[in-house]
Amino acid sequence: MTKKETYSEMDLYIPVQTYFEKLGYKVQAEVNDCDVVAYKDDSITIIELKLNLNITLLMQAAKRQKITPDVYIAIIRPKTSLRRRRWRDLVHLVRRLELGLILVSFEGKKPSLQVVHEPGFFDRKRSVNRSKKIRKKLIHEVENRRSNHNIGGSSNLLMMTAYKEMAIQIAYYLDHLGPMSAKQLQKLSTGDKTYSILYNNYYKWFERVDRGIYGLTEKGRKDYQTFPEVIKLYKETQLK
């Protein structure tokens, strides 16, 4: 049994109670199905306690927003790094739901509490504006794909990307036309990334056979032929 498993949701209560009482709130536990209710003047804050972040907790907290917009979820601080992508995505989801997030740690001599963010309005427009580079990258990928090789939901299979399509195209030409320079390949519409694909050689398909001239490795000759659907595009349209 790990240390985390020795704790219960009740262990979260005292640190949360102490925190809100220091802010001037009166705190009560287990009020009409709410784990914790903190109130001050006409302000009511609800805190739902769970050992970890899960869909049940999010649903409970979302229901509490019918009572007050000031809803937090409090969980034990994860053992894994808070910089991991999955954790950052979960925090983003909590923020999108306009919930506050509290982490309680039992690592020291006494429990410590960290407010990751307060409950409040999520500015979706601002979020989209911050992701302009990601949006641009997505559009670029869609516009530059020439085949429809992938199947939606097949995340465990090898994915076809615009980059790989270009590499297959280059490999096909080198295999059928012989060694060429990046400039010669670009005249066959291999795209402006031709040189970087040859030079970086991510798939280990290419080799330099002379100054500025590239050929195909045995690995490249074998690997690229496993994508007949993509090869067909260039066989039918480019080398007639």
Protein backbone atom coordinates (compact mmCIF):
# COMPACT_ATOMS: atom_id res chain seq x y z
CA MET A 1 0.00 0.00 0.00
CA THR A 2 1.43 3.35 -1.01
CA LYS A 3 1.49 6.39 1.19
CA LYS A 4 -1.17 8.06 -0.93
CA GLU A 5 -3.56 5.16 -0.32
CA THR A 6 -3.30 5.61 3.45
CA TYR A 7 -5.14 8.93 3.20
CA SER A 8 -8.84 9.49 2.87
CA GLU A 9 -10.92 12.44 1.73
CA MET A 10 -11.42 13.35 5.39
CA ASP A 11 -7.70 14.11 5.65
CA LEU A 12 -8.18 16.92 3.16
CA TYR A 13 -10.78 18.66 5.29
CA ILE A 14 -8.60 20.22 8.03
CA PRO A 15 -6.12 21.89 5.62
CA VAL A 16 -9.03 23.24 3.54
CA GLN A 17 -10.93 24.38 6.62
CA THR A 18 -7.86 26.14 8.01
CA TYR A 19 -7.17 27.91 4.73
CA PHE A 20 -10.66 29.37 4.36
CA GLU A 21 -10.98 30.28 8.03
CA LYS A 22 -7.81 32.34 7.71
CA LEU A 23 -9.56 34.21 4.89
CA GLY A 24 -12.39 35.08 7.27
CA TYR A 25 -14.89 32.41 6.24
CA LYS A 26 -17.00 30.26 8.51
CA VAL A 27 -16.60 26.66 7.42
CA GLN A 28 -18.96 23.72 7.73
CA ALA A 29 -18.57 20.16 6.43
CA GLU A 30 -21.14 17.86 4.79
CA VAL A 31 -23.90 20.38 4.16
CA ASN A 32 -26.70 19.11 1.88
CA ASP A 33 -24.33 16.76 -0.01
CA CYS A 34 -21.61 19.41 -0.31
CA ASP A 35 -18.27 18.27 1.16
CA VAL A 36 -17.31 21.71 2.47
CA VAL A 37 -19.19 25.01 2.57
CA ALA A 38 -17.36 28.23 3.39
CA TYR A 39 -19.47 31.35 3.86
CA LYS A 40 -18.79 35.00 4.64
CA ASP A 41 -21.39 37.75 4.51
CA ASP A 42 -23.48 36.89 1.43
CA SER A 43 -20.70 34.89 -0.21
CA ILE A 44 -20.86 31.11 -0.39
CA THR A 45 -17.99 28.91 -1.56
CA ILE A 46 -18.25 25.16 -2.02
CA ILE A 47 -15.27 22.80 -1.99
CA GLU A 48 -15.51 19.19 -3.17
CA LEU A 49 -12.88 16.81 -1.79
CA LYS A 50 -11.40 13.81 -3.60
CA LEU A 51 -8.11 11.92 -3.48
CA ASN A 52 -7.51 12.52 -7.17
CA LEU A 53 -8.95 14.31 -10.16
CA ASN A 54 -11.59 12.24 -11.95
CA ILE A 55 -14.82 12.60 -13.92
CA THR A 56 -16.99 11.97 -10.84
CA LEU A 57 -15.38 14.90 -9.05
CA LEU A 58 -15.82 17.18 -12.06
CA MET A 59 -19.50 16.25 -12.34
CA GLN A 60 -20.08 16.88 -8.64
CA ALA A 61 -18.35 20.24 -8.79
CA ALA A 62 -20.28 21.25 -11.92
CA LYS A 63 -23.55 20.49 -10.13
CA ARG A 64 -22.50 22.75 -7.26
CA GLN A 65 -22.19 25.63 -9.72
CA LYS A 66 -25.99 25.69 -9.77
CA ILE A 67 -25.75 26.98 -6.20
CA THR A 68 -22.76 29.30 -6.48
CA PRO A 69 -20.14 30.20 -9.10
CA ASP A 70 -17.46 29.89 -6.41
CA VAL A 71 -16.68 26.17 -6.49
CA TYR A 72 -13.31 24.53 -5.86
CA ILE A 73 -12.13 20.97 -6.14
CA ALA A 74 -9.46 19.89 -3.66
CA ILE A 75 -7.29 16.82 -4.24
CA ILE A 76 -4.03 15.35 -2.95
CA ARG A 77 -1.07 16.78 -4.84
CA PRO A 78 -0.11 14.22 -7.53
CA LYS A 79 3.15 12.34 -7.12
CA THR A 80 4.00 12.84 -10.79
CA SER A 81 5.47 16.05 -12.17
CA LEU A 82 3.00 18.89 -12.57
CA ARG A 83 4.76 19.74 -15.84
CA ARG A 84 3.56 16.59 -17.58
CA ARG A 85 1.28 17.16 -20.53
CA ARG A 86 -1.56 15.03 -19.14
CA TRP A 87 -1.61 17.02 -15.90
CA ARG A 88 -1.50 20.35 -17.74
CA ASP A 89 -4.39 19.18 -19.91
CA LEU A 90 -6.42 18.23 -16.83
CA VAL A 91 -5.76 21.62 -15.23
CA HIS A 92 -6.88 23.28 -18.48
CA LEU A 93 -10.11 21.27 -18.36
CA VAL A 94 -10.77 22.36 -14.77
CA ARG A 95 -10.17 25.97 -15.75
CA ARG A 96 -12.48 25.60 -18.78
CA LEU A 97 -15.21 24.44 -16.38
CA GLU A 98 -14.56 27.65 -14.39
CA LEU A 99 -13.74 25.65 -11.25
CA GLY A 100 -11.06 26.48 -8.72
CA LEU A 101 -8.33 23.91 -8.06
CA ILE A 102 -6.64 23.22 -4.72
CA LEU A 103 -3.77 20.78 -4.12
CA VAL A 104 -3.07 19.43 -0.65
CA SER A 105 0.34 17.93 0.11
CA PHE A 106 1.25 15.67 3.03
CA GLU A 107 4.94 15.50 2.21
CA GLY A 108 6.16 17.75 5.04
CA LYS A 109 5.74 17.64 8.81
CA LYS A 110 2.31 19.19 8.40
CA PRO A 111 -0.10 19.42 5.46
CA SER A 112 0.37 22.28 3.00
CA LEU A 113 -2.15 23.73 0.59
CA GLN A 114 -1.67 25.29 -2.85
CA VAL A 115 -4.37 27.11 -4.81
CA VAL A 116 -3.54 26.40 -8.45
CA HIS A 117 -6.21 28.80 -9.66
CA GLU A 118 -9.37 30.45 -8.41
CA PRO A 119 -12.84 29.74 -9.82
CA GLY A 120 -13.90 32.31 -12.38
CA PHE A 121 -14.78 33.20 -15.95
CA PHE A 122 -12.84 31.36 -18.64
CA ASP A 123 -11.96 33.66 -21.53
CA ARG A 124 -12.30 31.32 -24.50
CA LYS A 125 -11.39 33.98 -27.05
CA ARG A 126 -8.17 34.75 -25.21
CA SER A 127 -7.37 31.04 -25.04
CA VAL A 128 -7.85 30.68 -28.82
CA ASN A 129 -5.65 33.72 -29.46
CA ARG A 130 -2.87 32.16 -27.36
CA SER A 131 -3.05 29.04 -29.53
CA LYS A 132 -2.62 30.75 -32.91
CA LYS A 133 0.61 28.84 -33.61
CA ILE A 134 -1.10 25.51 -32.91
CA ARG A 135 -4.03 26.48 -35.14
CA LYS A 136 -1.68 27.57 -37.91
CA LYS A 137 0.24 24.30 -37.64
CA LEU A 138 -3.02 22.31 -37.82
CA ILE A 139 -4.22 24.15 -40.92
CA HIS A 140 -0.80 23.75 -42.57
CA GLU A 141 -0.87 19.99 -41.93
CA VAL A 142 -4.39 19.59 -43.35
CA GLU A 143 -3.64 21.69 -46.42
CA ASN A 144 -0.42 19.84 -47.21
CA ARG A 145 -1.68 16.28 -46.93
CA ARG A 146 -2.26 14.71 -50.31
CA SER A 147 -3.65 11.33 -49.23
CA ASN A 148 -6.33 10.21 -46.80
CA HIS A 149 -4.39 7.32 -45.30
CA ASN A 150 -5.30 7.62 -41.62
CA ILE A 151 -8.41 6.25 -39.92
CA GLY A 152 -10.03 8.35 -37.19
CA GLY A 153 -9.53 6.90 -33.71
CA SER A 154 -6.55 4.73 -34.71
CA SER A 155 -4.10 6.37 -32.31
CA ASN A 156 -2.08 3.16 -31.79
CA LEU A 157 -1.28 2.78 -35.49
CA LEU A 158 1.42 4.53 -37.50
CA MET A 159 0.08 7.91 -38.57
CA MET A 160 0.53 9.46 -41.98
CA THR A 161 1.61 13.10 -41.91
CA ALA A 162 2.29 15.66 -44.61
CA TYR A 163 6.00 15.37 -43.74
CA LYS A 164 5.98 11.59 -44.27
CA GLU A 165 4.07 11.96 -47.53
CA MET A 166 6.79 14.31 -48.79
CA ALA A 167 9.48 11.83 -47.69
CA ILE A 168 7.68 9.00 -49.53
CA GLN A 169 7.41 11.17 -52.64
CA ILE A 170 11.13 11.96 -52.52
CA ALA A 171 12.00 8.31 -51.92
CA TYR A 172 9.85 7.21 -54.84
CA TYR A 173 11.56 9.66 -57.23
CA LEU A 174 15.06 8.73 -56.07
CA ASP A 175 14.23 5.07 -56.49
CA HIS A 176 12.89 5.49 -60.05
CA LEU A 177 14.95 8.40 -61.35
CA GLY A 178 18.19 7.88 -59.47
CA PRO A 179 20.18 10.25 -57.21
CA MET A 180 19.21 13.92 -57.42
CA SER A 181 19.72 17.25 -55.67
CA ALA A 182 17.09 18.96 -53.57
CA LYS A 183 16.67 21.56 -56.31
CA GLN A 184 15.99 18.89 -58.91
CA LEU A 185 13.46 17.20 -56.66
CA GLN A 186 11.68 20.49 -55.98
CA LYS A 187 11.10 20.84 -59.72
CA LEU A 188 9.01 17.67 -59.33
CA SER A 189 6.87 19.45 -56.72
CA THR A 190 8.33 17.82 -53.62
CA GLY A 191 7.89 21.06 -51.66
CA ASP A 192 9.99 23.64 -49.85
CA LYS A 193 10.96 21.19 -47.10
CA THR A 194 12.80 18.91 -49.53
CA TYR A 195 16.29 19.93 -48.42
CA SER A 196 15.52 19.62 -44.71
CA ILE A 197 13.93 16.18 -45.24
CA LEU A 198 17.07 14.99 -47.05
CA TYR A 199 19.53 16.66 -44.68
CA ASN A 200 17.85 15.75 -41.37
CA ASN A 201 17.09 12.25 -42.67
CA TYR A 202 14.61 11.53 -39.86
CA TYR A 203 13.59 8.12 -41.22
CA LYS A 204 17.16 7.12 -42.28
CA TRP A 205 15.93 6.72 -45.85
CA PHE A 206 18.43 8.96 -47.61
CA GLU A 207 22.19 9.20 -48.07
CA ARG A 208 24.45 11.75 -49.68
CA VAL A 209 26.23 10.18 -52.64
CA ASP A 210 27.97 13.32 -53.88
CA ARG A 211 28.10 17.01 -53.08
CA GLY A 212 24.47 18.13 -52.87
CA ILE A 213 23.29 14.84 -54.41
CA TYR A 214 21.20 12.34 -52.49
CA GLY A 215 20.24 8.75 -53.08
CA LEU A 216 18.11 6.14 -51.36
CA THR A 217 19.35 3.75 -48.66
CA GLU A 218 18.30 0.10 -48.60
CA LYS A 219 16.15 0.87 -45.56
CA GLY A 220 14.50 3.72 -47.43
CA ARG A 221 13.85 1.57 -50.51
CA LYS A 222 12.21 -1.07 -48.33
CA ASP A 223 10.27 1.25 -45.98
CA TYR A 224 8.70 3.65 -48.45
CA GLN A 225 7.16 0.81 -50.44
CA THR A 226 4.97 -0.12 -47.46
CA PHE A 227 2.74 2.86 -48.35
CA PRO A 228 1.25 1.88 -51.73
CA GLU A 229 -1.73 4.24 -51.37
CA VAL A 230 0.60 7.24 -51.18
CA ILE A 231 2.97 5.97 -53.89
CA LYS A 232 0.01 5.63 -56.23
CA LEU A 233 -0.52 9.41 -56.13
CA TYR A 234 2.91 10.07 -57.63
CA LYS A 235 2.93 7.06 -59.93
CA GLU A 236 -0.26 8.25 -61.59
CA THR A 237 0.33 12.00 -61.73
CA GLN A 238 4.02 12.84 -61.62
CA LEU A 239 6.02 10.40 -63.72
CA LYS A 240 3.88 10.03 -66.84
